[in-house]
PDB file of N, CA and C in Angstrom:
ATOM      1  N   MET A   1      -0.275  19.550  -6.938  1.00  0.00           N
ATOM      2  CA  MET A   1      -1.390  18.588  -6.741  1.00  0.00           C
ATOM      3  C   MET A   1      -2.393  19.313  -6.180  1.00  0.00           C
ATOM      4  N   GLY A   2      -3.924  19.843  -6.401  1.00  0.00           N
ATOM      5  CA  GLY A   2      -5.077  19.989  -7.001  1.00  0.00           C
ATOM      6  C   GLY A   2      -5.844  20.550  -5.402  1.00  0.00           C
ATOM      7  N   ALA A   3      -6.820  21.452  -5.319  1.00  0.00           N
ATOM      8  CA  ALA A   3      -6.614  21.269  -4.295  1.00  0.00           C
ATOM      9  C   ALA A   3      -7.974  20.553  -3.303  1.00  0.00           C
ATOM     10  N   ALA A   4      -8.535  19.443  -4.026  1.00  0.00           N
ATOM     11  CA  ALA A   4      -9.802  18.490  -4.514  1.00  0.00           C
ATOM     12  C   ALA A   4      -8.314  17.193  -4.223  1.00  0.00           C
ATOM     13  N   ASP A   5      -6.858  17.026  -3.704  1.00  0.00           N
ATOM     14  CA  ASP A   5      -5.798  16.099  -3.956  1.00  0.00           C
ATOM     15  C   ASP A   5      -5.409  15.306  -2.156  1.00  0.00           C
ATOM     16  N   VAL A   6      -5.378  14.071  -1.887  1.00  0.00           N
ATOM     17  CA  VAL A   6      -4.181  14.183  -1.389  1.00  0.00           C
ATOM     18  C   VAL A   6      -2.995  13.104  -1.841  1.00  0.00           C
ATOM     19  N   ARG A   7      -1.794  13.147  -0.819  1.00  0.00           N
ATOM     20  CA  ARG A   7      -1.049  12.122  -1.322  1.00  0.00           C
ATOM     21  C   ARG A   7      -1.001  11.275  -0.307  1.00  0.00           C
ATOM     22  N   GLY A   8       0.005   9.708  -1.075  1.00  0.00           N
ATOM     23  CA  GLY A   8      -0.040   8.650  -0.657  1.00  0.00           C
ATOM     24  C   GLY A   8       1.263   8.374  -0.604  1.00  0.00           C
ATOM     25  N   TYR A   9       2.113   8.368   0.732  1.00  0.00           N
ATOM     26  CA  TYR A   9       2.737   8.262   0.309  1.00  0.00           C
ATOM     27  C   TYR A   9       3.687   7.023   1.519  1.00  0.00           C
ATOM     28  N   CYS A  10       4.067   5.318   0.481  1.00  0.00           N
ATOM     29  CA  CYS A  10       4.751   4.589   0.505  1.00  0.00           C
ATOM     30  C   CYS A  10       6.316   4.652   0.797  1.00  0.00           C
ATOM     31  N   LEU A  11       5.869   4.517   1.635  1.00  0.00           N
ATOM     32  CA  LEU A  11       7.789   4.601   2.732  1.00  0.00           C
ATOM     33  C   LEU A  11       8.277   3.728   2.541  1.00  0.00           C
ATOM     34  N   GLN A  12       8.365   2.075   3.961  1.00  0.00           N
ATOM     35  CA  GLN A  12       8.632   1.502   3.879  1.00  0.00           C
ATOM     36  C   GLN A  12       7.703   0.475   5.070  1.00  0.00           C
ATOM     37  N   ALA A  13       7.950  -0.772   5.196  1.00  0.00           N
ATOM     38  CA  ALA A  13       7.710  -1.572   6.376  1.00  0.00           C
ATOM     39  C   ALA A  13       8.310  -2.675   7.051  1.00  0.00           C
ATOM     40  N   GLN A  14       8.906  -3.053   8.008  1.00  0.00           N
ATOM     41  CA  GLN A  14       9.393  -3.021   8.443  1.00  0.00           C
ATOM     42  C   GLN A  14       9.092  -4.809   9.664  1.00  0.00           C
ATOM     43  N   HIS A  15       9.929  -6.330  10.010  1.00  0.00           N
ATOM     44  CA  HIS A  15      10.022  -6.774  10.438  1.00  0.00           C
ATOM     45  C   HIS A  15       8.903  -7.331   9.692  1.00  0.00           C
ATOM     46  N   LEU A  16       8.035  -7.683   8.392  1.00  0.00           N
ATOM     47  CA  LEU A  16       7.342  -8.663   7.183  1.00  0.00           C
ATOM     48  C   LEU A  16       7.212  -9.581   8.124  1.00  0.00           C
ATOM     49  N   PRO A  17       6.419 -10.687   8.162  1.00  0.00           N
ATOM     50  CA  PRO A  17       5.992 -12.223   8.342  1.00  0.00           C
ATOM     51  C   PRO A  17       7.101 -13.538   7.714  1.00  0.00           C
ATOM     52  N   LYS A  18       7.453 -14.363   7.535  1.00  0.00           N
ATOM     53  CA  LYS A  18       7.800 -15.494   6.321  1.00  0.00           C
ATOM     54  C   LYS A  18       6.570 -15.475   6.699  1.00  0.00           C
ATOM     55  N   MET A  19       6.305 -15.671   4.868  1.00  0.00           N
ATOM     56  CA  MET A  19       4.824 -15.906   3.725  1.00  0.00           C
ATOM     57  C   MET A  19       5.274 -16.442   3.270  1.00  0.00           C
ATOM     58  N   ASP A  20       6.485 -17.373   2.800  1.00  0.00           N
ATOM     59  CA  ASP A  20       6.226 -18.123   1.740  1.00  0.00           C
ATOM     60  C   ASP A  20       7.310 -19.737   2.284  1.00  0.00           C
ATOM     61  N   LEU A  21       7.062 -21.078   1.419  1.00  0.00           N
ATOM     62  CA  LEU A  21       7.068 -22.110   2.497  1.00  0.00           C
ATOM     63  C   LEU A  21       9.003 -21.812   2.323  1.00  0.00           C
ATOM     64  N   PHE A  22       9.467 -21.146   1.576  1.00  0.00           N
ATOM     65  CA  PHE A  22      11.220 -21.579   1.147  1.00  0.00           C
ATOM     66  C   PHE A  22      11.539 -19.587   1.835  1.00  0.00           C
ATOM     67  N   GLY A  23      10.811 -19.027   3.078  1.00  0.00           N
ATOM     68  CA  GLY A  23      10.716 -18.123   4.041  1.00  0.00           C
ATOM     69  C   GLY A  23      11.399 -17.483   3.033  1.00  0.00           C
ATOM     70  N   SER A  24      11.225 -16.875   2.451  1.00  0.00           N
ATOM     71  CA  SER A  24      10.674 -15.060   1.375  1.00  0.00           C
ATOM     72  C   SER A  24       9.680 -14.316   1.900  1.00  0.00           C
ATOM     73  N   VAL A  25       9.651 -12.714   1.402  1.00  0.00           N
ATOM     74  CA  VAL A  25       8.920 -12.504   1.933  1.00  0.00           C
ATOM     75  C   VAL A  25       9.181 -10.922   0.546  1.00  0.00           C
ATOM     76  N   ASP A  26       8.078 -11.455  -0.485  1.00  0.00           N
ATOM     77  CA  ASP A  26       7.779 -10.800  -1.876  1.00  0.00           C
ATOM     78  C   ASP A  26       7.136  -9.360  -2.023  1.00  0.00           C
ATOM     79  N   PRO A  27       7.460  -8.148  -0.647  1.00  0.00           N
ATOM     80  CA  PRO A  27       6.245  -7.577  -0.852  1.00  0.00           C
ATOM     81  C   PRO A  27       6.034  -6.478  -1.870  1.00  0.00           C
ATOM     82  N   TYR A  28       5.082  -5.449  -1.355  1.00  0.00           N
ATOM     83  CA  TYR A  28       4.277  -4.646  -2.539  1.00  0.00           C
ATOM     84  C   TYR A  28       2.837  -3.605  -1.571  1.00  0.00           C
ATOM     85  N   CYS A  29       2.506  -2.853  -1.479  1.00  0.00           N
ATOM     86  CA  CYS A  29       1.363  -1.927  -1.079  1.00  0.00           C
ATOM     87  C   CYS A  29       0.527  -1.855  -2.824  1.00  0.00           C
ATOM     88  N   VAL A  30      -0.573  -1.837  -2.364  1.00  0.00           N
ATOM     89  CA  VAL A  30      -1.439  -1.330  -2.778  1.00  0.00           C
ATOM     90  C   VAL A  30      -2.664   0.143  -2.129  1.00  0.00           C
ATOM     91  N   LEU A  31      -3.075   0.871  -3.186  1.00  0.00           N
ATOM     92  CA  LEU A  31      -3.020   2.320  -1.987  1.00  0.00           C
ATOM     93  C   LEU A  31      -4.651   2.465  -2.483  1.00  0.00           C
ATOM     94  N   ARG A  32      -5.917   2.834  -1.607  1.00  0.00           N
ATOM     95  CA  ARG A  32      -6.836   2.746  -2.864  1.00  0.00           C
ATOM     96  C   ARG A  32      -7.877   3.603  -1.507  1.00  0.00           C
ATOM     97  N   LEU A  33      -8.040   5.223  -2.818  1.00  0.00           N
ATOM     98  CA  LEU A  33      -9.057   6.251  -2.357  1.00  0.00           C
ATOM     99  C   LEU A  33      -9.507   5.806  -3.175  1.00  0.00           C
ATOM    100  N   GLY A  34     -11.481   5.778  -2.598  1.00  0.00           N
ATOM    101  CA  GLY A  34     -12.629   5.828  -4.094  1.00  0.00           C
ATOM    102  C   GLY A  34     -12.553   4.607  -4.664  1.00  0.00           C
ATOM    103  N   LYS A  35     -12.629   4.896  -6.113  1.00  0.00           N
ATOM    104  CA  LYS A  35     -12.066   4.273  -6.625  1.00  0.00           C
ATOM    105  C   LYS A  35     -10.851   4.047  -7.640  1.00  0.00           C
ATOM    106  N   GLU A  36     -10.026   4.491  -7.229  1.00  0.00           N
ATOM    107  CA  GLU A  36      -8.099   4.956  -7.390  1.00  0.00           C
ATOM    108  C   GLU A  36      -7.732   4.389  -6.634  1.00  0.00           C
ATOM    109  N   GLU A  37      -7.044   2.985  -7.731  1.00  0.00           N
ATOM    110  CA  GLU A  37      -5.854   2.152  -7.304  1.00  0.00           C
ATOM    111  C   GLU A  37      -4.328   3.071  -7.109  1.00  0.00           C
ATOM    112  N   ARG A  38      -3.285   2.908  -6.589  1.00  0.00           N
ATOM    113  CA  ARG A  38      -1.840   2.601  -7.185  1.00  0.00           C
ATOM    114  C   ARG A  38      -1.196   1.593  -6.631  1.00  0.00           C
ATOM    115  N   LYS A  39      -0.925   0.822  -7.081  1.00  0.00           N
ATOM    116  CA  LYS A  39       0.406  -0.087  -6.887  1.00  0.00           C
ATOM    117  C   LYS A  39       1.488  -0.108  -6.837  1.00  0.00           C
ATOM    118  N   SER A  40       2.447  -0.123  -5.716  1.00  0.00           N
ATOM    119  CA  SER A  40       3.922   0.446  -5.406  1.00  0.00           C
ATOM    120  C   SER A  40       4.415  -0.745  -6.589  1.00  0.00           C
ATOM    121  N   SER A  41       5.776  -1.079  -6.331  1.00  0.00           N
ATOM    122  CA  SER A  41       7.075  -1.553  -7.067  1.00  0.00           C
ATOM    123  C   SER A  41       6.457  -2.824  -5.899  1.00  0.00           C
ATOM    124  N   THR A  42       6.952  -4.458  -6.659  1.00  0.00           N
ATOM    125  CA  THR A  42       7.090  -5.239  -5.852  1.00  0.00           C
ATOM    126  C   THR A  42       8.778  -5.697  -5.748  1.00  0.00           C
ATOM    127  N   ILE A  43       9.125  -6.040  -4.080  1.00  0.00           N
ATOM    128  CA  ILE A  43      10.556  -5.987  -3.773  1.00  0.00           C
ATOM    129  C   ILE A  43      10.558  -7.585  -3.502  1.00  0.00           C
ATOM    130  N   LYS A  44      11.844  -7.856  -4.078  1.00  0.00           N
ATOM    131  CA  LYS A  44      11.700  -9.199  -4.209  1.00  0.00           C
ATOM    132  C   LYS A  44      12.973  -9.321  -2.366  1.00  0.00           C
ATOM    133  N   LYS A  45      12.551 -10.858  -2.010  1.00  0.00           N
ATOM    134  CA  LYS A  45      13.481 -11.437  -0.673  1.00  0.00           C
ATOM    135  C   LYS A  45      13.654 -10.119   0.095  1.00  0.00           C
ATOM    136  N   ASN A  46      12.460  -9.193   1.320  1.00  0.00           N
ATOM    137  CA  ASN A  46      13.195  -8.350   1.860  1.00  0.00           C
ATOM    138  C   ASN A  46      11.869  -8.396   2.978  1.00  0.00           C
ATOM    139  N   TYR A  47      12.638  -8.771   4.087  1.00  0.00           N
ATOM    140  CA  TYR A  47      11.505  -8.349   5.412  1.00  0.00           C
ATOM    141  C   TYR A  47      11.415  -6.542   6.020  1.00  0.00           C
ATOM    142  N   ASN A  48      11.606  -5.403   4.934  1.00  0.00           N
ATOM    143  CA  ASN A  48      12.140  -4.689   5.750  1.00  0.00           C
ATOM    144  C   ASN A  48      12.391  -3.659   4.629  1.00  0.00           C
ATOM    145  N   PRO A  49      11.206  -3.885   4.107  1.00  0.00           N
ATOM    146  CA  PRO A  49      11.173  -2.959   2.068  1.00  0.00           C
ATOM    147  C   PRO A  49      11.412  -1.638   2.757  1.00  0.00           C
ATOM    148  N   GLU A  50      11.712  -0.351   1.307  1.00  0.00           N
ATOM    149  CA  GLU A  50      11.835   0.558   1.775  1.00  0.00           C
ATOM    150  C   GLU A  50      11.341   1.374   0.128  1.00  0.00           C
ATOM    151  N   TRP A  51       9.958   1.645  -0.390  1.00  0.00           N
ATOM    152  CA  TRP A  51       9.324   2.238  -1.998  1.00  0.00           C
ATOM    153  C   TRP A  51      10.277   3.160  -1.879  1.00  0.00           C
ATOM    154  N   LYS A  52       9.486   4.321  -0.453  1.00  0.00           N
ATOM    155  CA  LYS A  52       9.693   5.760  -1.060  1.00  0.00           C
ATOM    156  C   LYS A  52       8.847   6.381  -2.306  1.00  0.00           C
ATOM    157  N   GLU A  53       7.608   6.078  -2.461  1.00  0.00           N
ATOM    158  CA  GLU A  53       7.017   6.060  -3.422  1.00  0.00           C
ATOM    159  C   GLU A  53       5.573   6.686  -3.500  1.00  0.00           C
ATOM    160  N   ASP A  54       5.360   7.641  -4.732  1.00  0.00           N
ATOM    161  CA  ASP A  54       4.205   8.405  -3.742  1.00  0.00           C
ATOM    162  C   ASP A  54       3.590   8.344  -5.019  1.00  0.00           C
ATOM    163  N   PHE A  55       1.972   8.838  -4.339  1.00  0.00           N
ATOM    164  CA  PHE A  55       0.781   8.300  -5.014  1.00  0.00           C
ATOM    165  C   PHE A  55      -0.450   9.351  -4.898  1.00  0.00           C
ATOM    166  N   VAL A  56      -0.515  10.339  -5.876  1.00  0.00           N
ATOM    167  CA  VAL A  56      -1.519  11.394  -5.835  1.00  0.00           C
ATOM    168  C   VAL A  56      -3.296  10.704  -5.881  1.00  0.00           C
ATOM    169  N   PHE A  57      -3.560  11.019  -5.131  1.00  0.00           N
ATOM    170  CA  PHE A  57      -5.234  10.893  -5.489  1.00  0.00           C
ATOM    171  C   PHE A  57      -6.136  11.893  -5.789  1.00  0.00           C
ATOM    172  N   ASN A  58      -7.306  11.332  -6.112  1.00  0.00           N
ATOM    173  CA  ASN A  58      -8.234  12.652  -6.310  1.00  0.00           C
ATOM    174  C   ASN A  58      -9.208  12.990  -5.163  1.00  0.00           C
ATOM    175  N   ILE A  59      -9.401  13.414  -3.772  1.00  0.00           N
ATOM    176  CA  ILE A  59     -10.560  13.440  -3.604  1.00  0.00           C
ATOM    177  C   ILE A  59     -11.953  13.093  -3.331  1.00  0.00           C
ATOM    178  N   ALA A  60     -12.672  13.078  -4.172  1.00  0.00           N
ATOM    179  CA  ALA A  60     -14.459  12.711  -4.290  1.00  0.00           C
ATOM    180  C   ALA A  60     -15.389  12.735  -3.220  1.00  0.00           C
ATOM    181  N   ASP A  61     -15.107  12.534  -2.541  1.00  0.00           N
ATOM    182  CA  ASP A  61     -15.801  12.675  -0.747  1.00  0.00           C
ATOM    183  C   ASP A  61     -15.378  12.527   0.216  1.00  0.00           C
ATOM    184  N   GLU A  62     -15.610  13.576   1.466  1.00  0.00           N
ATOM    185  CA  GLU A  62     -14.632  13.908   1.822  1.00  0.00           C
ATOM    186  C   GLU A  62     -14.671  12.278   3.488  1.00  0.00           C
ATOM    187  N   LYS A  63     -16.021  11.586   2.815  1.00  0.00           N
ATOM    188  CA  LYS A  63     -15.947  10.165   3.502  1.00  0.00           C
ATOM    189  C   LYS A  63     -15.889   9.392   3.123  1.00  0.00           C
ATOM    190  N   GLU A  64     -14.706   9.668   1.958  1.00  0.00           N
ATOM    191  CA  GLU A  64     -13.737   8.615   2.001  1.00  0.00           C
ATOM    192  C   GLU A  64     -12.647   7.940   2.571  1.00  0.00           C
ATOM    193  N   GLU A  65     -11.469   6.482   2.207  1.00  0.00           N
ATOM    194  CA  GLU A  65     -10.954   6.419   3.429  1.00  0.00           C
ATOM    195  C   GLU A  65      -9.203   6.309   2.452  1.00  0.00           C
ATOM    196  N   LEU A  66      -8.905   5.851   3.129  1.00  0.00           N
ATOM    197  CA  LEU A  66      -7.432   5.458   2.018  1.00  0.00           C
ATOM    198  C   LEU A  66      -7.017   4.270   2.529  1.00  0.00           C
ATOM    199  N   VAL A  67      -6.939   3.718   2.241  1.00  0.00           N
ATOM    200  CA  VAL A  67      -6.481   2.113   1.929  1.00  0.00           C
ATOM    201  C   VAL A  67      -5.679   0.988   1.324  1.00  0.00           C
ATOM    202  N   VAL A  68      -4.218   1.284   2.792  1.00  0.00           N
ATOM    203  CA  VAL A  68      -3.222   0.604   2.279  1.00  0.00           C
ATOM    204  C   VAL A  68      -2.955  -1.143   2.918  1.00  0.00           C
ATOM    205  N   THR A  69      -3.741  -1.611   1.746  1.00  0.00           N
ATOM    206  CA  THR A  69      -2.904  -2.785   1.856  1.00  0.00           C
ATOM    207  C   THR A  69      -1.910  -3.786   1.812  1.00  0.00           C
ATOM    208  N   LEU A  70      -0.972  -4.409   1.989  1.00  0.00           N
ATOM    209  CA  LEU A  70       0.499  -5.312   1.982  1.00  0.00           C
ATOM    210  C   LEU A  70       0.565  -6.131   1.790  1.00  0.00           C
ATOM    211  N   TYR A  71       0.816  -7.013   0.923  1.00  0.00           N
ATOM    212  CA  TYR A  71       0.048  -8.046   0.033  1.00  0.00           C
ATOM    213  C   TYR A  71       2.230  -8.744  -0.304  1.00  0.00           C
ATOM    214  N   ASP A  72       2.114 -10.250  -0.178  1.00  0.00           N
ATOM    215  CA  ASP A  72       3.171 -10.887  -1.112  1.00  0.00           C
ATOM    216  C   ASP A  72       3.031 -11.256  -1.684  1.00  0.00           C
ATOM    217  N   TRP A  73       3.912 -10.803  -3.223  1.00  0.00           N
ATOM    218  CA  TRP A  73       3.705 -11.449  -4.209  1.00  0.00           C
ATOM    219  C   TRP A  73       3.783 -12.821  -4.682  1.00  0.00           C
ATOM    220  N   ASP A  74       3.076 -13.514  -5.338  1.00  0.00           N
ATOM    221  CA  ASP A  74       3.621 -15.534  -5.155  1.00  0.00           C
ATOM    222  C   ASP A  74       3.637 -15.345  -7.142  1.00  0.00           C
ATOM    223  N   ARG A  75       3.887 -16.220  -6.847  1.00  0.00           N
ATOM    224  CA  ARG A  75       4.236 -16.788  -8.503  1.00  0.00           C
ATOM    225  C   ARG A  75       3.360 -16.997  -9.384  1.00  0.00           C
ATOM    226  N   THR A  76       2.676 -18.329  -8.572  1.00  0.00           N
ATOM    227  CA  THR A  76       2.229 -19.538  -9.133  1.00  0.00           C
ATOM    228  C   THR A  76       0.928 -19.195  -7.927  1.00  0.00           C
ATOM    229  N   SER A  77       0.684 -18.515  -7.906  1.00  0.00           N
ATOM    230  CA  SER A  77      -0.308 -18.700  -6.782  1.00  0.00           C
ATOM    231  C   SER A  77      -0.798 -16.810  -5.703  1.00  0.00           C
ATOM    232  N   LYS A  78      -2.308 -17.739  -5.635  1.00  0.00           N
ATOM    233  CA  LYS A  78      -2.453 -15.457  -5.068  1.00  0.00           C
ATOM    234  C   LYS A  78      -1.359 -15.269  -4.633  1.00  0.00           C
ATOM    235  N   ASP A  79      -1.823 -14.123  -4.791  1.00  0.00           N
ATOM    236  CA  ASP A  79      -0.376 -12.794  -3.345  1.00  0.00           C
ATOM    237  C   ASP A  79      -1.278 -13.236  -1.645  1.00  0.00           C
ATOM    238  N   ASP A  80      -0.604 -13.475  -1.380  1.00  0.00           N
ATOM    239  CA  ASP A  80      -1.405 -13.337  -0.104  1.00  0.00           C
ATOM    240  C   ASP A  80      -1.473 -11.852   1.032  1.00  0.00           C
ATOM    241  N   LEU A  81      -2.021 -11.980   1.368  1.00  0.00           N
ATOM    242  CA  LEU A  81      -2.517 -10.533   2.246  1.00  0.00           C
ATOM    243  C   LEU A  81      -1.795 -10.863   3.639  1.00  0.00           C
ATOM    244  N   ILE A  82      -0.576  -9.723   3.809  1.00  0.00           N
ATOM    245  CA  ILE A  82      -0.095  -9.518   4.749  1.00  0.00           C
ATOM    246  C   ILE A  82      -0.902  -8.611   5.985  1.00  0.00           C
ATOM    247  N   GLY A  83      -1.539  -7.987   5.212  1.00  0.00           N
ATOM    248  CA  GLY A  83      -2.192  -6.751   6.518  1.00  0.00           C
ATOM    249  C   GLY A  83      -2.208  -5.503   5.855  1.00  0.00           C
ATOM    250  N   CYS A  84      -3.674  -4.621   6.565  1.00  0.00           N
ATOM    251  CA  CYS A  84      -4.001  -3.850   5.572  1.00  0.00           C
ATOM    252  C   CYS A  84      -3.963  -2.237   7.102  1.00  0.00           C
ATOM    253  N   ALA A  85      -4.335  -1.265   6.192  1.00  0.00           N
ATOM    254  CA  ALA A  85      -4.572  -0.177   7.592  1.00  0.00           C
ATOM    255  C   ALA A  85      -5.222   1.070   6.658  1.00  0.00           C
ATOM    256  N   ARG A  86      -6.683   1.441   7.403  1.00  0.00           N
ATOM    257  CA  ARG A  86      -7.248   2.851   6.705  1.00  0.00           C
ATOM    258  C   ARG A  86      -7.301   4.228   7.482  1.00  0.00           C
ATOM    259  N   VAL A  87      -7.394   4.948   6.745  1.00  0.00           N
ATOM    260  CA  VAL A  87      -6.900   6.437   6.985  1.00  0.00           C
ATOM    261  C   VAL A  87      -8.424   6.937   6.362  1.00  0.00           C
ATOM    262  N   LYS A  88      -8.884   7.628   7.429  1.00  0.00           N
ATOM    263  CA  LYS A  88      -9.951   8.602   7.234  1.00  0.00           C
ATOM    264  C   LYS A  88      -9.589   9.700   6.250  1.00  0.00           C
ATOM    265  N   VAL A  89      -9.923  10.621   5.144  1.00  0.00           N
ATOM    266  CA  VAL A  89      -9.589  11.824   4.253  1.00  0.00           C
ATOM    267  C   VAL A  89      -9.655  12.629   5.390  1.00  0.00           C
ATOM    268  N   THR A  90     -10.644  13.214   6.084  1.00  0.00           N
ATOM    269  CA  THR A  90     -10.730  13.637   7.435  1.00  0.00           C
ATOM    270  C   THR A  90      -9.710  14.114   7.827  1.00  0.00           C
ATOM    271  N   VAL A  91      -8.450  13.381   8.343  1.00  0.00           N
ATOM    272  CA  VAL A  91      -7.525  13.059   9.079  1.00  0.00           C
ATOM    273  C   VAL A  91      -6.406  13.420   8.480  1.00  0.00           C
ATOM    274  N   LEU A  92      -6.894  13.725   6.822  1.00  0.00           N
ATOM    275  CA  LEU A  92      -5.436  13.060   6.146  1.00  0.00           C
ATOM    276  C   LEU A  92      -5.215  14.982   5.450  1.00  0.00           C
ATOM    277  N   ARG A  93      -6.268  15.908   5.764  1.00  0.00           N
ATOM    278  CA  ARG A  93      -6.595  16.920   5.472  1.00  0.00           C
ATOM    279  C   ARG A  93      -6.746  17.988   6.137  1.00  0.00           C
ATOM    280  N   SER A  94      -6.225  17.623   7.942  1.00  0.00           N
ATOM    281  CA  SER A  94      -6.289  18.061   8.904  1.00  0.00           C
ATOM    282  C   SER A  94      -4.886  18.389   8.839  1.00  0.00           C
TER     283      SER A  94
END
């Protein structure tokens, strides 16, 4: 990792809501910092997924935010938004 890098670690989610008609959730995370975007693997039919995936981003601007968005994957329709969180880079670097 370089001096202007930040690491995003997609660890786990707990107690996810039922998102599909038949009662399952297939979660994955999208991490975005500036123009860079990384996607975790999709974990099928799991309300308490554990990814344990590591992502490295280059910081172009200290004012940027790391945006972590959680989706439910769907085969036949648009993926459903489960939730989103934002963290300022300045908090990550301190």
